[in-house]
N, C-alpha and C. Protein backbone atom coordinates (compact mmCIF):
# COMPACT_ATOMS: atom_id res chain seq x y z
N UNK A 1 -11.68 -0.83 -4.95
CA UNK A 1 -12.12 0.00 -6.06
C UNK A 1 -10.92 0.77 -6.59
N UNK A 2 -11.05 1.26 -7.79
CA UNK A 2 -10.02 2.09 -8.40
C UNK A 2 -10.68 3.35 -8.95
N UNK A 3 -9.91 4.42 -8.96
CA UNK A 3 -10.40 5.67 -9.50
C UNK A 3 -9.26 6.40 -10.20
N UNK A 4 -9.62 7.24 -11.14
CA UNK A 4 -8.69 8.17 -11.77
C UNK A 4 -9.14 9.54 -11.26
N UNK A 5 -8.33 10.15 -10.41
CA UNK A 5 -8.76 11.38 -9.78
C UNK A 5 -7.58 12.15 -9.25
N UNK A 6 -7.80 13.41 -8.96
CA UNK A 6 -6.80 14.17 -8.21
C UNK A 6 -6.83 13.62 -6.79
N UNK A 7 -5.68 13.28 -6.28
CA UNK A 7 -5.57 12.66 -4.97
C UNK A 7 -4.94 13.66 -4.00
N UNK A 8 -5.78 14.21 -3.12
CA UNK A 8 -5.31 15.20 -2.14
C UNK A 8 -4.63 14.47 -1.00
N UNK A 9 -3.33 14.74 -0.83
CA UNK A 9 -2.54 14.10 0.21
C UNK A 9 -2.58 14.87 1.52
N UNK A 10 -2.70 16.19 1.41
CA UNK A 10 -2.80 17.08 2.57
C UNK A 10 -3.45 18.37 2.09
N UNK A 11 -3.56 19.33 2.97
CA UNK A 11 -4.18 20.61 2.60
C UNK A 11 -3.50 21.27 1.41
N UNK A 12 -2.18 21.12 1.31
CA UNK A 12 -1.44 21.81 0.25
C UNK A 12 -0.67 20.88 -0.69
N UNK A 13 -0.96 19.59 -0.65
CA UNK A 13 -0.27 18.63 -1.52
C UNK A 13 -1.27 17.72 -2.21
N UNK A 14 -1.05 17.52 -3.51
CA UNK A 14 -1.87 16.57 -4.25
C UNK A 14 -1.06 15.99 -5.39
N UNK A 15 -1.49 14.83 -5.87
CA UNK A 15 -0.91 14.18 -7.04
C UNK A 15 -2.05 13.75 -7.94
N UNK A 16 -1.74 13.40 -9.15
CA UNK A 16 -2.74 12.91 -10.09
C UNK A 16 -2.30 11.56 -10.63
N UNK A 17 -2.52 10.50 -9.84
CA UNK A 17 -2.13 9.16 -10.32
C UNK A 17 -3.03 8.73 -11.48
N UNK A 18 -2.53 7.81 -12.28
CA UNK A 18 -3.37 7.26 -13.34
C UNK A 18 -4.49 6.42 -12.74
N UNK A 19 -4.16 5.69 -11.67
CA UNK A 19 -5.15 4.92 -10.92
C UNK A 19 -4.79 4.96 -9.45
N UNK A 20 -5.80 4.99 -8.61
CA UNK A 20 -5.60 4.87 -7.17
C UNK A 20 -6.59 3.83 -6.67
N UNK A 21 -6.11 2.86 -5.94
CA UNK A 21 -6.95 1.78 -5.43
C UNK A 21 -7.22 2.01 -3.94
N UNK A 22 -8.46 1.72 -3.54
CA UNK A 22 -8.89 1.88 -2.15
C UNK A 22 -10.00 0.88 -1.88
N UNK A 23 -10.32 0.67 -0.62
CA UNK A 23 -11.39 -0.25 -0.26
C UNK A 23 -12.74 0.35 -0.66
N UNK A 24 -13.58 -0.46 -1.25
CA UNK A 24 -14.91 0.01 -1.64
C UNK A 24 -15.67 0.53 -0.42
N UNK A 25 -15.50 -0.12 0.72
CA UNK A 25 -16.20 0.30 1.94
C UNK A 25 -15.77 1.69 2.41
N UNK A 26 -14.54 2.11 2.08
CA UNK A 26 -14.08 3.46 2.45
C UNK A 26 -14.69 4.51 1.53
N UNK A 27 -14.87 4.18 0.26
CA UNK A 27 -15.46 5.10 -0.71
C UNK A 27 -14.52 6.20 -1.16
N UNK A 28 -14.81 6.74 -2.33
CA UNK A 28 -13.99 7.79 -2.92
C UNK A 28 -14.00 9.07 -2.09
N UNK A 29 -15.13 9.37 -1.47
CA UNK A 29 -15.23 10.59 -0.67
C UNK A 29 -14.26 10.59 0.51
N UNK A 30 -13.92 9.42 1.01
CA UNK A 30 -13.01 9.31 2.16
C UNK A 30 -11.56 9.06 1.73
N UNK A 31 -11.27 9.18 0.43
CA UNK A 31 -9.93 8.89 -0.05
C UNK A 31 -8.93 9.89 0.53
N UNK A 32 -7.94 9.35 1.21
CA UNK A 32 -6.83 10.12 1.76
C UNK A 32 -5.66 9.15 1.90
N UNK A 33 -4.48 9.60 2.25
CA UNK A 33 -3.34 8.68 2.33
C UNK A 33 -3.59 7.46 3.22
N UNK A 34 -4.33 7.63 4.30
CA UNK A 34 -4.58 6.52 5.22
C UNK A 34 -5.50 5.45 4.62
N UNK A 35 -6.29 5.79 3.62
CA UNK A 35 -7.22 4.83 3.04
C UNK A 35 -6.77 4.31 1.68
N UNK A 36 -5.75 4.91 1.10
CA UNK A 36 -5.23 4.45 -0.20
C UNK A 36 -4.44 3.16 -0.03
N UNK A 37 -4.55 2.29 -1.01
CA UNK A 37 -3.83 1.02 -0.97
C UNK A 37 -2.70 0.96 -1.99
N UNK A 38 -3.00 1.39 -3.21
CA UNK A 38 -2.06 1.26 -4.32
C UNK A 38 -2.25 2.42 -5.28
N UNK A 39 -1.16 3.06 -5.66
CA UNK A 39 -1.18 4.07 -6.72
C UNK A 39 -0.48 3.48 -7.94
N UNK A 40 -1.02 3.77 -9.12
CA UNK A 40 -0.42 3.29 -10.36
C UNK A 40 -0.16 4.48 -11.27
N UNK A 41 1.06 4.58 -11.73
CA UNK A 41 1.47 5.61 -12.69
C UNK A 41 1.89 4.91 -13.97
N UNK A 42 1.36 5.36 -15.11
CA UNK A 42 1.78 4.85 -16.41
C UNK A 42 2.64 5.95 -17.02
N UNK A 43 3.90 5.63 -17.23
CA UNK A 43 4.87 6.66 -17.62
C UNK A 43 5.43 6.42 -19.01
N UNK A 44 5.53 7.49 -19.74
CA UNK A 44 6.22 7.49 -21.02
C UNK A 44 7.29 8.57 -20.90
N UNK A 45 6.90 9.80 -21.08
CA UNK A 45 7.86 10.90 -20.95
C UNK A 45 8.09 11.30 -19.49
N UNK A 46 7.23 10.87 -18.57
CA UNK A 46 7.34 11.26 -17.16
C UNK A 46 8.04 10.22 -16.30
N UNK A 47 8.69 9.22 -16.90
CA UNK A 47 9.26 8.11 -16.14
C UNK A 47 10.23 8.59 -15.05
N UNK A 48 11.13 9.45 -15.39
CA UNK A 48 12.13 9.92 -14.42
C UNK A 48 11.45 10.59 -13.22
N UNK A 49 10.45 11.42 -13.48
CA UNK A 49 9.70 12.09 -12.42
C UNK A 49 8.93 11.08 -11.57
N UNK A 50 8.26 10.13 -12.24
CA UNK A 50 7.44 9.15 -11.52
C UNK A 50 8.28 8.23 -10.64
N UNK A 51 9.46 7.85 -11.11
CA UNK A 51 10.34 6.98 -10.33
C UNK A 51 11.13 7.75 -9.27
N UNK A 52 11.25 9.04 -9.46
CA UNK A 52 12.03 9.86 -8.55
C UNK A 52 11.19 10.62 -7.54
N UNK A 53 10.99 11.88 -7.82
CA UNK A 53 10.30 12.78 -6.88
C UNK A 53 8.89 12.32 -6.53
N UNK A 54 8.13 11.89 -7.53
CA UNK A 54 6.75 11.50 -7.27
C UNK A 54 6.69 10.25 -6.39
N UNK A 55 7.57 9.29 -6.62
CA UNK A 55 7.63 8.09 -5.77
C UNK A 55 7.98 8.48 -4.34
N UNK A 56 8.86 9.44 -4.18
CA UNK A 56 9.23 9.91 -2.84
C UNK A 56 8.04 10.55 -2.14
N UNK A 57 7.23 11.29 -2.87
CA UNK A 57 6.02 11.90 -2.29
C UNK A 57 5.05 10.81 -1.83
N UNK A 58 4.79 9.81 -2.68
CA UNK A 58 3.91 8.72 -2.29
C UNK A 58 4.45 8.02 -1.03
N UNK A 59 5.74 7.77 -0.99
CA UNK A 59 6.34 7.09 0.17
C UNK A 59 6.22 7.95 1.43
N UNK A 60 6.47 9.23 1.27
CA UNK A 60 6.39 10.15 2.42
C UNK A 60 5.00 10.13 3.04
N UNK A 61 3.98 9.98 2.20
CA UNK A 61 2.60 9.94 2.70
C UNK A 61 2.14 8.50 2.99
N UNK A 62 3.09 7.57 3.01
CA UNK A 62 2.88 6.17 3.41
C UNK A 62 1.85 5.42 2.56
N UNK A 63 1.84 5.67 1.25
CA UNK A 63 1.00 4.88 0.36
C UNK A 63 1.66 3.49 0.29
N UNK A 64 0.96 2.44 0.70
CA UNK A 64 1.59 1.13 0.88
C UNK A 64 2.29 0.56 -0.35
N UNK A 65 1.74 0.82 -1.53
CA UNK A 65 2.32 0.23 -2.74
C UNK A 65 2.18 1.20 -3.90
N UNK A 66 3.21 1.25 -4.75
CA UNK A 66 3.21 2.08 -5.95
C UNK A 66 3.72 1.24 -7.10
N UNK A 67 2.98 1.27 -8.20
CA UNK A 67 3.45 0.65 -9.44
C UNK A 67 3.70 1.76 -10.44
N UNK A 68 4.90 1.81 -11.00
CA UNK A 68 5.20 2.74 -12.08
C UNK A 68 5.45 1.88 -13.32
N UNK A 69 4.57 2.03 -14.30
CA UNK A 69 4.67 1.24 -15.52
C UNK A 69 5.43 2.05 -16.57
N UNK A 70 6.58 1.54 -16.97
CA UNK A 70 7.38 2.15 -18.03
C UNK A 70 6.81 1.65 -19.35
N UNK A 71 6.01 2.50 -19.99
CA UNK A 71 5.31 2.11 -21.21
C UNK A 71 6.26 1.83 -22.37
N UNK A 72 7.36 2.54 -22.45
CA UNK A 72 8.30 2.36 -23.56
C UNK A 72 9.06 1.03 -23.45
N UNK A 73 9.49 0.69 -22.26
CA UNK A 73 10.29 -0.54 -22.07
C UNK A 73 9.45 -1.72 -21.60
N UNK A 74 8.17 -1.49 -21.32
CA UNK A 74 7.25 -2.52 -20.86
C UNK A 74 7.78 -3.22 -19.61
N UNK A 75 8.04 -2.39 -18.60
CA UNK A 75 8.52 -2.86 -17.30
C UNK A 75 7.67 -2.19 -16.23
N UNK A 76 7.29 -2.95 -15.21
CA UNK A 76 6.57 -2.38 -14.07
C UNK A 76 7.52 -2.31 -12.89
N UNK A 77 7.68 -1.12 -12.36
CA UNK A 77 8.52 -0.91 -11.18
C UNK A 77 7.60 -0.96 -9.96
N UNK A 78 7.75 -2.00 -9.15
CA UNK A 78 6.90 -2.23 -8.00
C UNK A 78 7.60 -1.71 -6.75
N UNK A 79 6.97 -0.72 -6.11
CA UNK A 79 7.51 -0.11 -4.89
C UNK A 79 6.68 -0.57 -3.70
N UNK A 80 7.35 -0.97 -2.63
CA UNK A 80 6.66 -1.40 -1.41
C UNK A 80 7.47 -0.95 -0.19
N UNK A 81 6.87 -1.00 0.96
CA UNK A 81 7.49 -0.62 2.23
C UNK A 81 7.90 0.86 2.24
N UNK A 82 6.91 1.76 2.27
CA UNK A 82 7.22 3.19 2.23
C UNK A 82 7.85 3.70 3.53
N UNK A 83 8.68 4.72 3.38
CA UNK A 83 9.30 5.41 4.51
C UNK A 83 9.57 6.84 4.13
N UNK A 84 10.05 7.62 5.04
CA UNK A 84 10.32 9.04 4.76
C UNK A 84 11.42 9.24 3.73
N UNK A 85 12.29 8.27 3.56
CA UNK A 85 13.39 8.37 2.60
C UNK A 85 13.05 7.73 1.25
N UNK A 86 11.84 7.20 1.12
CA UNK A 86 11.42 6.53 -0.11
C UNK A 86 10.93 5.14 0.19
N UNK A 87 10.76 4.35 -0.85
CA UNK A 87 10.33 2.96 -0.68
C UNK A 87 11.55 2.08 -0.44
N UNK A 88 11.45 1.20 0.54
CA UNK A 88 12.57 0.32 0.89
C UNK A 88 12.72 -0.81 -0.11
N UNK A 89 11.65 -1.18 -0.77
CA UNK A 89 11.70 -2.26 -1.73
C UNK A 89 11.23 -1.75 -3.09
N UNK A 90 12.08 -1.87 -4.09
CA UNK A 90 11.73 -1.50 -5.46
C UNK A 90 12.28 -2.60 -6.37
N UNK A 91 11.39 -3.17 -7.18
CA UNK A 91 11.85 -4.19 -8.11
C UNK A 91 11.23 -3.96 -9.48
N UNK A 92 12.01 -4.26 -10.51
CA UNK A 92 11.56 -4.11 -11.89
C UNK A 92 11.03 -5.46 -12.36
N UNK A 93 9.80 -5.46 -12.86
CA UNK A 93 9.15 -6.69 -13.31
C UNK A 93 8.94 -6.61 -14.83
N UNK A 94 9.53 -7.54 -15.58
CA UNK A 94 9.36 -7.51 -17.04
C UNK A 94 7.92 -7.82 -17.45
N UNK A 95 7.60 -7.47 -18.68
CA UNK A 95 6.23 -7.61 -19.20
C UNK A 95 5.73 -9.05 -19.18
N UNK A 96 6.63 -10.00 -19.23
CA UNK A 96 6.23 -11.41 -19.29
C UNK A 96 6.05 -12.05 -17.91
N UNK A 97 6.26 -11.26 -16.85
CA UNK A 97 6.09 -11.77 -15.49
C UNK A 97 4.86 -11.13 -14.85
N UNK A 98 4.08 -11.93 -14.15
CA UNK A 98 2.86 -11.43 -13.49
C UNK A 98 3.23 -10.61 -12.28
N UNK A 99 2.56 -9.46 -12.15
CA UNK A 99 2.68 -8.59 -10.98
C UNK A 99 1.41 -8.76 -10.16
N UNK A 100 1.56 -9.04 -8.88
CA UNK A 100 0.42 -9.18 -7.99
C UNK A 100 0.57 -8.18 -6.85
N UNK A 101 -0.49 -7.50 -6.55
CA UNK A 101 -0.46 -6.53 -5.46
C UNK A 101 -0.40 -7.25 -4.12
N UNK A 102 0.39 -6.70 -3.22
CA UNK A 102 0.46 -7.26 -1.86
C UNK A 102 -0.60 -6.63 -0.96
N UNK A 103 -1.29 -5.61 -1.45
CA UNK A 103 -2.27 -4.90 -0.62
C UNK A 103 -3.69 -4.89 -1.19
N UNK A 104 -3.85 -5.20 -2.47
CA UNK A 104 -5.17 -5.26 -3.09
C UNK A 104 -5.43 -6.72 -3.44
N UNK A 105 -6.22 -7.41 -2.62
CA UNK A 105 -6.46 -8.83 -2.85
C UNK A 105 -7.01 -9.11 -4.25
N UNK A 106 -6.40 -10.09 -4.92
CA UNK A 106 -6.88 -10.52 -6.23
C UNK A 106 -6.41 -9.67 -7.40
N UNK A 107 -5.69 -8.60 -7.16
CA UNK A 107 -5.24 -7.74 -8.26
C UNK A 107 -3.88 -8.21 -8.76
N UNK A 108 -3.87 -8.60 -10.02
CA UNK A 108 -2.62 -8.98 -10.67
C UNK A 108 -2.74 -8.68 -12.16
N UNK A 109 -1.60 -8.57 -12.80
CA UNK A 109 -1.59 -8.30 -14.24
C UNK A 109 -0.24 -8.70 -14.82
N UNK A 110 -0.26 -8.90 -16.11
CA UNK A 110 0.97 -9.14 -16.85
C UNK A 110 0.91 -8.20 -18.05
N UNK A 111 1.85 -7.30 -18.16
CA UNK A 111 1.82 -6.30 -19.23
C UNK A 111 1.71 -6.93 -20.61
N UNK A 112 2.34 -8.07 -20.81
CA UNK A 112 2.30 -8.71 -22.13
C UNK A 112 0.89 -9.19 -22.49
N UNK A 113 -0.01 -9.28 -21.52
CA UNK A 113 -1.39 -9.70 -21.79
C UNK A 113 -2.31 -8.54 -22.13
N UNK A 114 -1.83 -7.33 -21.94
CA UNK A 114 -2.67 -6.16 -22.20
C UNK A 114 -2.63 -5.85 -23.69
N UNK A 115 -3.78 -5.76 -24.28
CA UNK A 115 -3.90 -5.50 -25.72
C UNK A 115 -3.48 -4.07 -26.03
N UNK A 116 -2.67 -3.93 -27.05
CA UNK A 116 -2.22 -2.60 -27.49
C UNK A 116 -3.21 -2.04 -28.51
N UNK A 117 -3.36 -0.74 -28.48
CA UNK A 117 -4.26 -0.09 -29.42
C UNK A 117 -3.50 0.76 -30.38
C-alpha cells in the first residue's frame, strides 16, 4: 500500500514523504521505520534537501529504499542499502528508463510514461 502522510520515525523525528509504501497487512496504523518499504520524494525546489539531509535521515532510520524524483530534470535518484552514513547505492535513472522497486513487488514506473498536466 502507499500513503501520503506524516511519517513518524521516532518520538521526536518525522518526515513528510510524498509517498510511503508499506505492506497492506501491516496497515497504516502500524507504520514505523521497521514496516516502511519505500519512500518517494518528488522534488522541484527541495531537490538539494531531499538528496542530502533528508536522504541521510531515511538511511539512518533504515528505510530500505528511497526514490527522489527530480521533477525539473526528469531523473529518478534511486537509493538502496541504507546505513548510518547514508545509502550505499545511489543511481540516477533517466526518464526513459524503467525504475523497479527492489522491495515493493510489482512496483515500477517510467517517468516518460507519466502524463503531464
